[in-house]
Amino acid sequence: HTSASTQGQIYIPVINWLLMAAVILLVLMFQNSSSL
C-alpha cells in the first residue's frame, strides 16, 4: 500500500515488472504508433 490514507492506492511488484517488460517489448517490436 503506497498511501496511508487512500486504501485503493496499491503496488504489486510482479505485475509492475511484467507490464514493464511487455510494454518495452511492444515498443521495440512495433517501432511506431501506427504499427501498434
PDB file of all heavy atoms in Angstrom:
ATOM      1  N   HIS A   1       0.858  -1.189   0.000  1.00  0.00           N
ATOM      2  CA  HIS A   1       0.000   0.000   0.000  1.00  0.00           C
ATOM      3  C   HIS A   1       0.890   1.232   0.000  1.00  0.00           C
ATOM      4  O   HIS A   1       1.760   1.399   0.855  1.00  0.00           O
ATOM      5  CB  HIS A   1      -0.936  -0.022   1.210  1.00  0.00           C
ATOM      6  CG  HIS A   1      -2.002  -1.071   1.092  1.00  0.00           C
ATOM      7  ND1 HIS A   1      -3.291  -0.795   0.710  1.00  0.00           N
ATOM      8  CD2 HIS A   1      -1.941  -2.403   1.265  1.00  0.00           C
ATOM      9  CE1 HIS A   1      -3.988  -1.915   0.669  1.00  0.00           C
ATOM     10  NE2 HIS A   1      -3.190  -2.908   1.001  1.00  0.00           N
ATOM     11  N   THR A   2       0.669   2.096  -0.982  1.00  0.00           N
ATOM     12  CA  THR A   2       1.536   3.261  -1.175  1.00  0.00           C
ATOM     13  C   THR A   2       0.966   4.528  -0.551  1.00  0.00           C
ATOM     14  O   THR A   2       1.566   5.581  -0.650  1.00  0.00           O
ATOM     15  CB  THR A   2       1.773   3.510  -2.676  1.00  0.00           C
ATOM     16  OG1 THR A   2       0.501   3.699  -3.327  1.00  0.00           O
ATOM     17  CG2 THR A   2       2.480   2.323  -3.304  1.00  0.00           C
ATOM     18  N   SER A   3      -0.199   4.428   0.072  1.00  0.00           N
ATOM     19  CA  SER A   3      -0.796   5.595   0.715  1.00  0.00           C
ATOM     20  C   SER A   3      -1.422   5.167   2.035  1.00  0.00           C
ATOM     21  O   SER A   3      -2.138   4.166   2.098  1.00  0.00           O
ATOM     22  CB  SER A   3      -1.865   6.229  -0.181  1.00  0.00           C
ATOM     23  OG  SER A   3      -2.568   7.248   0.505  1.00  0.00           O
ATOM     24  N   ALA A   4      -1.120   5.924   3.093  1.00  0.00           N
ATOM     25  CA  ALA A   4      -1.689   5.610   4.398  1.00  0.00           C
ATOM     26  C   ALA A   4      -3.148   6.028   4.497  1.00  0.00           C
ATOM     27  O   ALA A   4      -3.901   5.527   5.326  1.00  0.00           O
ATOM     28  CB  ALA A   4      -0.883   6.305   5.502  1.00  0.00           C
ATOM     29  N   SER A   5      -3.574   6.955   3.641  1.00  0.00           N
ATOM     30  CA  SER A   5      -4.939   7.488   3.743  1.00  0.00           C
ATOM     31  C   SER A   5      -5.891   6.953   2.681  1.00  0.00           C
ATOM     32  O   SER A   5      -7.091   6.913   2.879  1.00  0.00           O
ATOM     33  CB  SER A   5      -4.901   9.023   3.653  1.00  0.00           C
ATOM     34  OG  SER A   5      -4.278   9.424   2.439  1.00  0.00           O
ATOM     35  N   THR A   6      -5.347   6.532   1.522  1.00  0.00           N
ATOM     36  CA  THR A   6      -6.198   6.066   0.426  1.00  0.00           C
ATOM     37  C   THR A   6      -6.016   4.570   0.249  1.00  0.00           C
ATOM     38  O   THR A   6      -4.940   4.102  -0.143  1.00  0.00           O
ATOM     39  CB  THR A   6      -5.839   6.781  -0.892  1.00  0.00           C
ATOM     40  OG1 THR A   6      -5.899   8.189  -0.666  1.00  0.00           O
ATOM     41  CG2 THR A   6      -6.815   6.406  -1.987  1.00  0.00           C
ATOM     42  N   GLN A   7      -7.075   3.803   0.528  1.00  0.00           N
ATOM     43  CA  GLN A   7      -6.981   2.352   0.512  1.00  0.00           C
ATOM     44  C   GLN A   7      -6.719   1.797  -0.877  1.00  0.00           C
ATOM     45  O   GLN A   7      -6.058   0.796  -1.065  1.00  0.00           O
ATOM     46  CB  GLN A   7      -8.278   1.748   1.068  1.00  0.00           C
ATOM     47  CG  GLN A   7      -8.225   0.246   1.262  1.00  0.00           C
ATOM     48  CD  GLN A   7      -9.458  -0.274   1.947  1.00  0.00           C
ATOM     49  OE1 GLN A   7     -10.427   0.433   2.144  1.00  0.00           O
ATOM     50  NE2 GLN A   7      -9.430  -1.532   2.329  1.00  0.00           N
ATOM     51  N   GLY A   8      -7.226   2.460  -1.911  1.00  0.00           N
ATOM     52  CA  GLY A   8      -7.138   1.926  -3.264  1.00  0.00           C
ATOM     53  C   GLY A   8      -5.771   2.061  -3.908  1.00  0.00           C
ATOM     54  O   GLY A   8      -5.536   1.482  -4.963  1.00  0.00           O
ATOM     55  N   GLN A   9      -4.844   2.840  -3.313  1.00  0.00           N
ATOM     56  CA  GLN A   9      -3.535   3.043  -3.920  1.00  0.00           C
ATOM     57  C   GLN A   9      -2.600   1.912  -3.501  1.00  0.00           C
ATOM     58  O   GLN A   9      -2.076   1.894  -2.396  1.00  0.00           O
ATOM     59  CB  GLN A   9      -2.957   4.405  -3.528  1.00  0.00           C
ATOM     60  CG  GLN A   9      -3.685   5.564  -4.181  1.00  0.00           C
ATOM     61  CD  GLN A   9      -2.925   6.870  -4.054  1.00  0.00           C
ATOM     62  OE1 GLN A   9      -1.758   6.902  -3.702  1.00  0.00           O
ATOM     63  NE2 GLN A   9      -3.591   7.977  -4.362  1.00  0.00           N
ATOM     64  N   ILE A  10      -2.412   0.954  -4.413  1.00  0.00           N
ATOM     65  CA  ILE A  10      -1.595  -0.221  -4.120  1.00  0.00           C
ATOM     66  C   ILE A  10      -0.545  -0.397  -5.201  1.00  0.00           C
ATOM     67  O   ILE A  10      -0.637   0.177  -6.286  1.00  0.00           O
ATOM     68  CB  ILE A  10      -2.456  -1.500  -4.009  1.00  0.00           C
ATOM     69  CG1 ILE A  10      -3.241  -1.735  -5.312  1.00  0.00           C
ATOM     70  CG2 ILE A  10      -3.379  -1.431  -2.810  1.00  0.00           C
ATOM     71  CD1 ILE A  10      -4.016  -3.033  -5.339  1.00  0.00           C
ATOM     72  N   TYR A  11       0.440  -1.210  -4.876  1.00  0.00           N
ATOM     73  CA  TYR A  11       1.528  -1.520  -5.802  1.00  0.00           C
ATOM     74  C   TYR A  11       1.799  -3.016  -5.720  1.00  0.00           C
ATOM     75  O   TYR A  11       1.995  -3.570  -4.634  1.00  0.00           O
ATOM     76  CB  TYR A  11       2.772  -0.717  -5.411  1.00  0.00           C
ATOM     77  CG  TYR A  11       4.050  -1.158  -6.097  1.00  0.00           C
ATOM     78  CD1 TYR A  11       4.202  -1.013  -7.473  1.00  0.00           C
ATOM     79  CD2 TYR A  11       5.105  -1.718  -5.372  1.00  0.00           C
ATOM     80  CE1 TYR A  11       5.375  -1.405  -8.111  1.00  0.00           C
ATOM     81  CE2 TYR A  11       6.289  -2.112  -5.998  1.00  0.00           C
ATOM     82  CZ  TYR A  11       6.411  -1.955  -7.361  1.00  0.00           C
ATOM     83  OH  TYR A  11       7.560  -2.353  -7.981  1.00  0.00           O
ATOM     84  N   ILE A  12       1.775  -3.697  -6.879  1.00  0.00           N
ATOM     85  CA  ILE A  12       2.024  -5.141  -6.925  1.00  0.00           C
ATOM     86  C   ILE A  12       3.278  -5.348  -7.758  1.00  0.00           C
ATOM     87  O   ILE A  12       3.233  -5.238  -8.994  1.00  0.00           O
ATOM     88  CB  ILE A  12       0.820  -5.901  -7.516  1.00  0.00           C
ATOM     89  CG1 ILE A  12      -0.454  -5.561  -6.730  1.00  0.00           C
ATOM     90  CG2 ILE A  12       1.063  -7.397  -7.503  1.00  0.00           C
ATOM     91  CD1 ILE A  12      -1.710  -6.228  -7.262  1.00  0.00           C
ATOM     92  N   PRO A  13       4.419  -5.607  -7.120  1.00  0.00           N
ATOM     93  CA  PRO A  13       5.702  -5.635  -7.840  1.00  0.00           C
ATOM     94  C   PRO A  13       5.721  -6.558  -9.056  1.00  0.00           C
ATOM     95  O   PRO A  13       6.175  -6.160 -10.131  1.00  0.00           O
ATOM     96  CB  PRO A  13       6.700  -6.109  -6.770  1.00  0.00           C
ATOM     97  CG  PRO A  13       6.086  -5.679  -5.473  1.00  0.00           C
ATOM     98  CD  PRO A  13       4.601  -5.801  -5.671  1.00  0.00           C
ATOM     99  N   VAL A  14       5.248  -7.798  -8.921  1.00  0.00           N
ATOM    100  CA  VAL A  14       5.356  -8.749 -10.039  1.00  0.00           C
ATOM    101  C   VAL A  14       4.540  -8.278 -11.249  1.00  0.00           C
ATOM    102  O   VAL A  14       4.976  -8.405 -12.400  1.00  0.00           O
ATOM    103  CB  VAL A  14       4.921 -10.168  -9.594  1.00  0.00           C
ATOM    104  CG1 VAL A  14       3.437 -10.227  -9.239  1.00  0.00           C
ATOM    105  CG2 VAL A  14       5.240 -11.188 -10.689  1.00  0.00           C
ATOM    106  N   ILE A  15       3.365  -7.686 -11.022  1.00  0.00           N
ATOM    107  CA  ILE A  15       2.555  -7.164 -12.122  1.00  0.00           C
ATOM    108  C   ILE A  15       3.256  -5.970 -12.759  1.00  0.00           C
ATOM    109  O   ILE A  15       3.279  -5.821 -13.993  1.00  0.00           O
ATOM    110  CB  ILE A  15       1.150  -6.762 -11.623  1.00  0.00           C
ATOM    111  CG1 ILE A  15       0.409  -7.986 -11.059  1.00  0.00           C
ATOM    112  CG2 ILE A  15       0.339  -6.112 -12.729  1.00  0.00           C
ATOM    113  CD1 ILE A  15       0.126  -9.066 -12.083  1.00  0.00           C
ATOM    114  N   ASN A  16       3.858  -5.120 -11.948  1.00  0.00           N
ATOM    115  CA  ASN A  16       4.550  -3.932 -12.460  1.00  0.00           C
ATOM    116  C   ASN A  16       5.685  -4.321 -13.404  1.00  0.00           C
ATOM    117  O   ASN A  16       5.807  -3.786 -14.514  1.00  0.00           O
ATOM    118  CB  ASN A  16       5.097  -3.116 -11.287  1.00  0.00           C
ATOM    119  CG  ASN A  16       5.694  -1.793 -11.720  1.00  0.00           C
ATOM    120  OD1 ASN A  16       5.002  -0.926 -12.231  1.00  0.00           O
ATOM    121  ND2 ASN A  16       6.995  -1.636 -11.514  1.00  0.00           N
ATOM    122  N   TRP A  17       6.518  -5.283 -12.972  1.00  0.00           N
ATOM    123  CA  TRP A  17       7.685  -5.634 -13.797  1.00  0.00           C
ATOM    124  C   TRP A  17       7.267  -6.427 -15.038  1.00  0.00           C
ATOM    125  O   TRP A  17       7.895  -6.269 -16.105  1.00  0.00           O
ATOM    126  CB  TRP A  17       8.700  -6.412 -12.966  1.00  0.00           C
ATOM    127  CG  TRP A  17       9.149  -5.668 -11.747  1.00  0.00           C
ATOM    128  CD1 TRP A  17       9.151  -6.103 -10.455  1.00  0.00           C
ATOM    129  CD2 TRP A  17       9.639  -4.313 -11.700  1.00  0.00           C
ATOM    130  NE1 TRP A  17       9.606  -5.123  -9.609  1.00  0.00           N
ATOM    131  CE2 TRP A  17       9.913  -4.019 -10.341  1.00  0.00           C
ATOM    132  CE3 TRP A  17       9.874  -3.331 -12.655  1.00  0.00           C
ATOM    133  CZ2 TRP A  17      10.399  -2.784  -9.933  1.00  0.00           C
ATOM    134  CZ3 TRP A  17      10.353  -2.086 -12.246  1.00  0.00           C
ATOM    135  CH2 TRP A  17      10.616  -1.835 -10.911  1.00  0.00           C
ATOM    136  N   LEU A  18       6.230  -7.249 -14.930  1.00  0.00           N
ATOM    137  CA  LEU A  18       5.733  -7.959 -16.114  1.00  0.00           C
ATOM    138  C   LEU A  18       5.175  -6.972 -17.139  1.00  0.00           C
ATOM    139  O   LEU A  18       5.421  -7.102 -18.348  1.00  0.00           O
ATOM    140  CB  LEU A  18       4.654  -8.970 -15.710  1.00  0.00           C
ATOM    141  CG  LEU A  18       5.152 -10.266 -15.045  1.00  0.00           C
ATOM    142  CD1 LEU A  18       3.968 -11.096 -14.569  1.00  0.00           C
ATOM    143  CD2 LEU A  18       6.006 -11.080 -16.009  1.00  0.00           C
ATOM    144  N   LEU A  19       4.406  -5.984 -16.658  1.00  0.00           N
ATOM    145  CA  LEU A  19       3.874  -4.963 -17.569  1.00  0.00           C
ATOM    146  C   LEU A  19       4.995  -4.166 -18.222  1.00  0.00           C
ATOM    147  O   LEU A  19       4.958  -3.893 -19.426  1.00  0.00           O
ATOM    148  CB  LEU A  19       2.937  -4.015 -16.813  1.00  0.00           C
ATOM    149  CG  LEU A  19       1.536  -4.519 -16.456  1.00  0.00           C
ATOM    150  CD1 LEU A  19       0.776  -3.447 -15.689  1.00  0.00           C
ATOM    151  CD2 LEU A  19       0.758  -4.914 -17.702  1.00  0.00           C
ATOM    152  N   MET A  20       6.009  -3.795 -17.431  1.00  0.00           N
ATOM    153  CA  MET A  20       7.111  -3.007 -17.983  1.00  0.00           C
ATOM    154  C   MET A  20       7.831  -3.784 -19.090  1.00  0.00           C
ATOM    155  O   MET A  20       8.111  -3.248 -20.172  1.00  0.00           O
ATOM    156  CB  MET A  20       8.107  -2.628 -16.892  1.00  0.00           C
ATOM    157  CG  MET A  20       9.211  -1.686 -17.404  1.00  0.00           C
ATOM    158  SD  MET A  20      10.450  -1.238 -16.173  1.00  0.00           S
ATOM    159  CE  MET A  20      11.505  -2.671 -16.254  1.00  0.00           C
ATOM    160  N   ALA A  21       8.108  -5.061 -18.831  1.00  0.00           N
ATOM    161  CA  ALA A  21       8.787  -5.884 -19.834  1.00  0.00           C
ATOM    162  C   ALA A  21       7.951  -5.992 -21.108  1.00  0.00           C
ATOM    163  O   ALA A  21       8.468  -5.876 -22.226  1.00  0.00           O
ATOM    164  CB  ALA A  21       9.071  -7.274 -19.264  1.00  0.00           C
ATOM    165  N   ALA A  22       6.641  -6.193 -20.940  1.00  0.00           N
ATOM    166  CA  ALA A  22       5.756  -6.345 -22.097  1.00  0.00           C
ATOM    167  C   ALA A  22       5.639  -5.040 -22.880  1.00  0.00           C
ATOM    168  O   ALA A  22       5.664  -5.041 -24.122  1.00  0.00           O
ATOM    169  CB  ALA A  22       4.380  -6.812 -21.642  1.00  0.00           C
ATOM    170  N   VAL A  23       5.530  -3.912 -22.178  1.00  0.00           N
ATOM    171  CA  VAL A  23       5.384  -2.611 -22.842  1.00  0.00           C
ATOM    172  C   VAL A  23       6.633  -2.269 -23.640  1.00  0.00           C
ATOM    173  O   VAL A  23       6.552  -1.839 -24.805  1.00  0.00           O
ATOM    174  CB  VAL A  23       5.073  -1.512 -21.800  1.00  0.00           C
ATOM    175  CG1 VAL A  23       5.199  -0.127 -22.426  1.00  0.00           C
ATOM    176  CG2 VAL A  23       3.669  -1.696 -21.236  1.00  0.00           C
ATOM    177  N   ILE A  24       7.802  -2.447 -23.047  1.00  0.00           N
ATOM    178  CA  ILE A  24       9.048  -2.140 -23.759  1.00  0.00           C
ATOM    179  C   ILE A  24       9.237  -3.085 -24.942  1.00  0.00           C
ATOM    180  O   ILE A  24       9.672  -2.667 -26.029  1.00  0.00           O
ATOM    181  CB  ILE A  24      10.239  -2.210 -22.780  1.00  0.00           C
ATOM    182  CG1 ILE A  24      10.116  -1.069 -21.760  1.00  0.00           C
ATOM    183  CG2 ILE A  24      11.566  -2.112 -23.533  1.00  0.00           C
ATOM    184  CD1 ILE A  24      11.135  -1.108 -20.669  1.00  0.00           C
ATOM    185  N   LEU A  25       8.873  -4.365 -24.756  1.00  0.00           N
ATOM    186  CA  LEU A  25       8.939  -5.317 -25.857  1.00  0.00           C
ATOM    187  C   LEU A  25       8.043  -4.875 -27.017  1.00  0.00           C
ATOM    188  O   LEU A  25       8.432  -4.949 -28.194  1.00  0.00           O
ATOM    189  CB  LEU A  25       8.530  -6.708 -25.369  1.00  0.00           C
ATOM    190  CG  LEU A  25       8.528  -7.828 -26.416  1.00  0.00           C
ATOM    191  CD1 LEU A  25       9.956  -8.080 -26.923  1.00  0.00           C
ATOM    192  CD2 LEU A  25       7.938  -9.110 -25.841  1.00  0.00           C
ATOM    193  N   LEU A  26       6.847  -4.394 -26.693  1.00  0.00           N
ATOM    194  CA  LEU A  26       5.920  -3.915 -27.724  1.00  0.00           C
ATOM    195  C   LEU A  26       6.506  -2.738 -28.498  1.00  0.00           C
ATOM    196  O   LEU A  26       6.431  -2.687 -29.734  1.00  0.00           O
ATOM    197  CB  LEU A  26       4.593  -3.501 -27.084  1.00  0.00           C
ATOM    198  CG  LEU A  26       3.591  -4.607 -26.765  1.00  0.00           C
ATOM    199  CD1 LEU A  26       2.474  -4.078 -25.878  1.00  0.00           C
ATOM    200  CD2 LEU A  26       3.001  -5.172 -28.056  1.00  0.00           C
ATOM    201  N   VAL A  27       7.080  -1.784 -27.772  1.00  0.00           N
ATOM    202  CA  VAL A  27       7.666  -0.594 -28.428  1.00  0.00           C
ATOM    203  C   VAL A  27       8.791  -1.008 -29.362  1.00  0.00           C
ATOM    204  O   VAL A  27       8.882  -0.526 -30.503  1.00  0.00           O
ATOM    205  CB  VAL A  27       8.165   0.403 -27.366  1.00  0.00           C
ATOM    206  CG1 VAL A  27       8.979   1.514 -28.017  1.00  0.00           C
ATOM    207  CG2 VAL A  27       6.995   1.003 -26.603  1.00  0.00           C
ATOM    208  N   LEU A  28       9.651  -1.921 -28.907  1.00  0.00           N
ATOM    209  CA  LEU A  28      10.785  -2.339 -29.732  1.00  0.00           C
ATOM    210  C   LEU A  28      10.343  -3.218 -30.902  1.00  0.00           C
ATOM    211  O   LEU A  28      10.968  -3.199 -31.971  1.00  0.00           O
ATOM    212  CB  LEU A  28      11.806  -3.091 -28.863  1.00  0.00           C
ATOM    213  CG  LEU A  28      12.459  -2.263 -27.750  1.00  0.00           C
ATOM    214  CD1 LEU A  28      13.408  -3.115 -26.929  1.00  0.00           C
ATOM    215  CD2 LEU A  28      13.183  -1.049 -28.331  1.00  0.00           C
ATOM    216  N   MET A  29       9.266  -3.991 -30.724  1.00  0.00           N
ATOM    217  CA  MET A  29       8.773  -4.857 -31.797  1.00  0.00           C
ATOM    218  C   MET A  29       8.087  -4.056 -32.897  1.00  0.00           C
ATOM    219  O   MET A  29       8.337  -4.265 -34.085  1.00  0.00           O
ATOM    220  CB  MET A  29       7.767  -5.886 -31.239  1.00  0.00           C
ATOM    221  CG  MET A  29       8.382  -7.093 -30.574  1.00  0.00           C
ATOM    222  SD  MET A  29       7.100  -8.135 -29.818  1.00  0.00           S
ATOM    223  CE  MET A  29       5.999  -8.422 -31.202  1.00  0.00           C
ATOM    224  N   PHE A  30       7.207  -3.114 -32.497  1.00  0.00           N
ATOM    225  CA  PHE A  30       6.365  -2.436 -33.486  1.00  0.00           C
ATOM    226  C   PHE A  30       6.961  -1.110 -33.974  1.00  0.00           C
ATOM    227  O   PHE A  30       6.532  -0.584 -34.999  1.00  0.00           O
ATOM    228  CB  PHE A  30       4.965  -2.203 -32.907  1.00  0.00           C
ATOM    229  CG  PHE A  30       4.165  -3.472 -32.783  1.00  0.00           C
ATOM    230  CD1 PHE A  30       4.175  -4.208 -31.610  1.00  0.00           C
ATOM    231  CD2 PHE A  30       3.400  -3.934 -33.834  1.00  0.00           C
ATOM    232  CE1 PHE A  30       3.444  -5.386 -31.489  1.00  0.00           C
ATOM    233  CE2 PHE A  30       2.661  -5.100 -33.737  1.00  0.00           C
ATOM    234  CZ  PHE A  30       2.681  -5.835 -32.561  1.00  0.00           C
ATOM    235  N   GLN A  31       7.913  -0.541 -33.218  1.00  0.00           N
ATOM    236  CA  GLN A  31       8.710   0.612 -33.661  1.00  0.00           C
ATOM    237  C   GLN A  31       7.967   1.952 -33.732  1.00  0.00           C
ATOM    238  O   GLN A  31       8.547   2.985 -33.467  1.00  0.00           O
ATOM    239  CB  GLN A  31       9.343   0.337 -35.030  1.00  0.00           C
ATOM    240  CG  GLN A  31      10.270  -0.865 -35.041  1.00  0.00           C
ATOM    241  CD  GLN A  31      11.616  -0.609 -34.405  1.00  0.00           C
ATOM    242  OE1 GLN A  31      12.281   0.366 -34.714  1.00  0.00           O
ATOM    243  NE2 GLN A  31      12.039  -1.493 -33.499  1.00  0.00           N
ATOM    244  N   ASN A  32       6.677   1.959 -34.120  1.00  0.00           N
ATOM    245  CA  ASN A  32       5.951   3.225 -34.218  1.00  0.00           C
ATOM    246  C   ASN A  32       4.495   3.022 -33.839  1.00  0.00           C
ATOM    247  O   ASN A  32       3.999   1.897 -33.777  1.00  0.00           O
ATOM    248  CB  ASN A  32       6.064   3.827 -35.623  1.00  0.00           C
ATOM    249  CG  ASN A  32       5.535   2.890 -36.701  1.00  0.00           C
ATOM    250  OD1 ASN A  32       4.329   2.650 -36.779  1.00  0.00           O
ATOM    251  ND2 ASN A  32       6.428   2.354 -37.520  1.00  0.00           N
ATOM    252  N   SER A  33       3.809   4.131 -33.570  1.00  0.00           N
ATOM    253  CA  SER A  33       2.439   4.050 -33.050  1.00  0.00           C
ATOM    254  C   SER A  33       1.463   3.529 -34.094  1.00  0.00           C
ATOM    255  O   SER A  33       0.457   2.900 -33.752  1.00  0.00           O
ATOM    256  CB  SER A  33       1.985   5.419 -32.535  1.00  0.00           C
ATOM    257  OG  SER A  33       2.042   6.399 -33.552  1.00  0.00           O
ATOM    258  N   SER A  34       1.717   3.770 -35.392  1.00  0.00           N
ATOM    259  CA  SER A  34       0.825   3.266 -36.434  1.00  0.00           C
ATOM    260  C   SER A  34       0.822   1.742 -36.463  1.00  0.00           C
ATOM    261  O   SER A  34      -0.233   1.109 -36.607  1.00  0.00           O
ATOM    262  CB  SER A  34       1.227   3.804 -37.809  1.00  0.00           C
ATOM    263  OG  SER A  34       0.831   5.149 -37.946  1.00  0.00           O
ATOM    264  N   SER A  35       1.989   1.142 -36.317  1.00  0.00           N
ATOM    265  CA  SER A  35       2.061  -0.325 -36.276  1.00  0.00           C
ATOM    266  C   SER A  35       1.393  -0.855 -35.017  1.00  0.00           C
ATOM    267  O   SER A  35       0.724  -1.891 -35.040  1.00  0.00           O
ATOM    268  CB  SER A  35       3.525  -0.782 -36.330  1.00  0.00           C
ATOM    269  OG  SER A  35       4.128  -0.382 -37.538  1.00  0.00           O
ATOM    270  N   LEU A  36       1.566  -0.148 -33.905  1.00  0.00           N
ATOM    271  CA  LEU A  36       0.938  -0.567 -32.646  1.00  0.00           C
ATOM    272  C   LEU A  36      -0.581  -0.465 -32.704  1.00  0.00           C
ATOM    273  O   LEU A  36      -1.288  -1.220 -32.031  1.00  0.00           O
ATOM    274  CB  LEU A  36       1.456   0.295 -31.489  1.00  0.00           C
ATOM    275  CG  LEU A  36       2.589  -0.293 -30.656  1.00  0.00           C
ATOM    276  CD1 LEU A  36       3.114   0.760 -29.687  1.00  0.00           C
ATOM    277  CD2 LEU A  36       2.136  -1.517 -29.891  1.00  0.00           C
TER     278      LEU A  36
END
